[in-house]
Amino acid sequence: MLKCLGTSSEGDFPGMDEHAEDRLAALESVWYEIIEAVNAGRTAGLICPECNSPDGLEIQEAQGRVVVSCPNCKRVVEVGIATA
């Protein structure tokens, strides 16, 4: 599951309007390859899917979650890591 930090979208919580759900679904679609790469342990050389900055993405791991941030466009997403 993808969680956008610092946005008005609250994820799949009650009271979330239809447009917010659509925006979250679109965001998940854009970030799908990044989420899959992080879940597979590939964190080096990732490029922001929104701004395509050559600076790459910053990855911070903590307690089964990964925070992925872009220093260029300032997008921050939190990814729950799948465990087997």
C-alpha atoms as a PDB file:
ATOM      1  CA  MET A   1       0.000   0.000   0.000  1.00  0.00           C
ATOM      2  CA  LEU A   2       1.207   3.453  -0.880  1.00  0.00           C
ATOM      3  CA  LYS A   3       0.712   6.373   1.456  1.00  0.00           C
ATOM      4  CA  CYS A   4       1.363   9.944   0.369  1.00  0.00           C
ATOM      5  CA  LEU A   5       2.786  12.066   3.122  1.00  0.00           C
ATOM      6  CA  GLY A   6       2.117  15.762   3.274  1.00  0.00           C
ATOM      7  CA  THR A   7      -1.003  15.722   1.083  1.00  0.00           C
ATOM      8  CA  SER A   8      -4.675  16.175   1.818  1.00  0.00           C
ATOM      9  CA  SER A   9      -5.403  12.580   0.832  1.00  0.00           C
ATOM     10  CA  GLU A  10      -5.888  10.331   3.843  1.00  0.00           C
ATOM     11  CA  GLY A  11      -5.711   7.017   2.001  1.00  0.00           C
ATOM     12  CA  ASP A  12      -8.584   4.552   2.233  1.00  0.00           C
ATOM     13  CA  PHE A  13     -10.178   6.102   5.300  1.00  0.00           C
ATOM     14  CA  PRO A  14     -13.899   6.743   5.733  1.00  0.00           C
ATOM     15  CA  GLY A  15     -14.925  10.173   4.527  1.00  0.00           C
ATOM     16  CA  MET A  16     -12.411  10.235   1.674  1.00  0.00           C
ATOM     17  CA  ASP A  17     -14.153  11.708  -1.359  1.00  0.00           C
ATOM     18  CA  GLU A  18     -14.282   9.987  -4.734  1.00  0.00           C
ATOM     19  CA  HIS A  19     -11.819  12.429  -6.301  1.00  0.00           C
ATOM     20  CA  ALA A  20      -9.267  11.745  -3.567  1.00  0.00           C
ATOM     21  CA  GLU A  21      -9.623   7.996  -4.193  1.00  0.00           C
ATOM     22  CA  ASP A  22      -9.072   8.595  -7.925  1.00  0.00           C
ATOM     23  CA  ARG A  23      -5.973  10.699  -7.228  1.00  0.00           C
ATOM     24  CA  LEU A  24      -4.573   8.032  -4.906  1.00  0.00           C
ATOM     25  CA  ALA A  25      -5.185   5.317  -7.517  1.00  0.00           C
ATOM     26  CA  ALA A  26      -3.432   7.417 -10.172  1.00  0.00           C
ATOM     27  CA  LEU A  27      -0.512   8.039  -7.819  1.00  0.00           C
ATOM     28  CA  GLU A  28      -0.216   4.326  -7.048  1.00  0.00           C
ATOM     29  CA  SER A  29      -0.158   3.615 -10.783  1.00  0.00           C
ATOM     30  CA  VAL A  30       2.673   6.107 -11.390  1.00  0.00           C
ATOM     31  CA  TRP A  31       4.726   4.770  -8.471  1.00  0.00           C
ATOM     32  CA  TYR A  32       4.028   1.042  -9.126  1.00  0.00           C
ATOM     33  CA  GLU A  33       7.476   0.215 -10.532  1.00  0.00           C
ATOM     34  CA  ILE A  34       9.223   2.037  -7.665  1.00  0.00           C
ATOM     35  CA  ILE A  35       7.096   0.193  -5.094  1.00  0.00           C
ATOM     36  CA  GLU A  36       7.877  -3.155  -6.753  1.00  0.00           C
ATOM     37  CA  ALA A  37      11.603  -2.350  -6.857  1.00  0.00           C
ATOM     38  CA  VAL A  38      11.659  -1.367  -3.173  1.00  0.00           C
ATOM     39  CA  ASN A  39       9.703  -4.513  -2.215  1.00  0.00           C
ATOM     40  CA  ALA A  40      12.310  -6.568  -4.121  1.00  0.00           C
ATOM     41  CA  GLY A  41      15.158  -4.831  -2.272  1.00  0.00           C
ATOM     42  CA  ARG A  42      16.342  -2.754  -5.244  1.00  0.00           C
ATOM     43  CA  THR A  43      16.780   0.758  -3.902  1.00  0.00           C
ATOM     44  CA  ALA A  44      19.816   2.047  -5.818  1.00  0.00           C
ATOM     45  CA  GLY A  45      19.482   4.167  -8.936  1.00  0.00           C
ATOM     46  CA  LEU A  46      15.731   4.754  -8.732  1.00  0.00           C
ATOM     47  CA  ILE A  47      14.401   7.774 -10.632  1.00  0.00           C
ATOM     48  CA  CYS A  48      11.338   9.776  -9.595  1.00  0.00           C
ATOM     49  CA  PRO A  49       8.435   8.738 -11.831  1.00  0.00           C
ATOM     50  CA  GLU A  50       6.860  12.182 -11.527  1.00  0.00           C
ATOM     51  CA  CYS A  51       9.699  14.601 -12.326  1.00  0.00           C
ATOM     52  CA  ASN A  52      12.375  12.211 -13.742  1.00  0.00           C
ATOM     53  CA  SER A  53      15.086  14.105 -11.868  1.00  0.00           C
ATOM     54  CA  PRO A  54      18.597  12.739 -12.429  1.00  0.00           C
ATOM     55  CA  ASP A  55      19.208  13.221  -8.678  1.00  0.00           C
ATOM     56  CA  GLY A  56      17.332   9.978  -8.033  1.00  0.00           C
ATOM     57  CA  LEU A  57      15.282   9.072  -4.993  1.00  0.00           C
ATOM     58  CA  GLU A  58      16.255   8.996  -1.329  1.00  0.00           C
ATOM     59  CA  ILE A  59      15.302   5.804   0.510  1.00  0.00           C
ATOM     60  CA  GLN A  60      14.918   5.512   4.300  1.00  0.00           C
ATOM     61  CA  GLU A  61      13.974   2.170   5.872  1.00  0.00           C
ATOM     62  CA  ALA A  62      12.483   1.723   9.342  1.00  0.00           C
ATOM     63  CA  GLN A  63      10.365  -0.970  11.027  1.00  0.00           C
ATOM     64  CA  GLY A  64       8.928  -2.662   7.954  1.00  0.00           C
ATOM     65  CA  ARG A  65       8.244   0.596   6.130  1.00  0.00           C
ATOM     66  CA  VAL A  66      10.220   2.540   3.578  1.00  0.00           C
ATOM     67  CA  VAL A  67       9.980   6.273   2.998  1.00  0.00           C
ATOM     68  CA  VAL A  68      10.867   7.227  -0.568  1.00  0.00           C
ATOM     69  CA  SER A  69      11.431  10.914  -1.279  1.00  0.00           C
ATOM     70  CA  CYS A  70      12.456  12.973  -4.270  1.00  0.00           C
ATOM     71  CA  PRO A  71      14.806  15.860  -3.440  1.00  0.00           C
ATOM     72  CA  ASN A  72      13.761  17.632  -6.654  1.00  0.00           C
ATOM     73  CA  CYS A  73       9.930  17.668  -6.632  1.00  0.00           C
ATOM     74  CA  LYS A  74       9.661  17.017  -2.864  1.00  0.00           C
ATOM     75  CA  ARG A  75       7.189  14.114  -3.273  1.00  0.00           C
ATOM     76  CA  VAL A  76       7.317  11.765  -0.295  1.00  0.00           C
ATOM     77  CA  VAL A  77       5.680   8.334  -0.281  1.00  0.00           C
ATOM     78  CA  GLU A  78       5.653   5.637   2.363  1.00  0.00           C
ATOM     79  CA  VAL A  79       5.716   1.983   1.321  1.00  0.00           C
ATOM     80  CA  GLY A  80       4.839  -0.966   3.528  1.00  0.00           C
ATOM     81  CA  ILE A  81       7.354  -3.754   2.857  1.00  0.00           C
ATOM     82  CA  ALA A  82       5.866  -7.160   2.115  1.00  0.00           C
ATOM     83  CA  THR A  83       7.228  -9.936   4.317  1.00  0.00           C
ATOM     84  CA  ALA A  84       7.061 -13.646   3.662  1.00  0.00           C
END
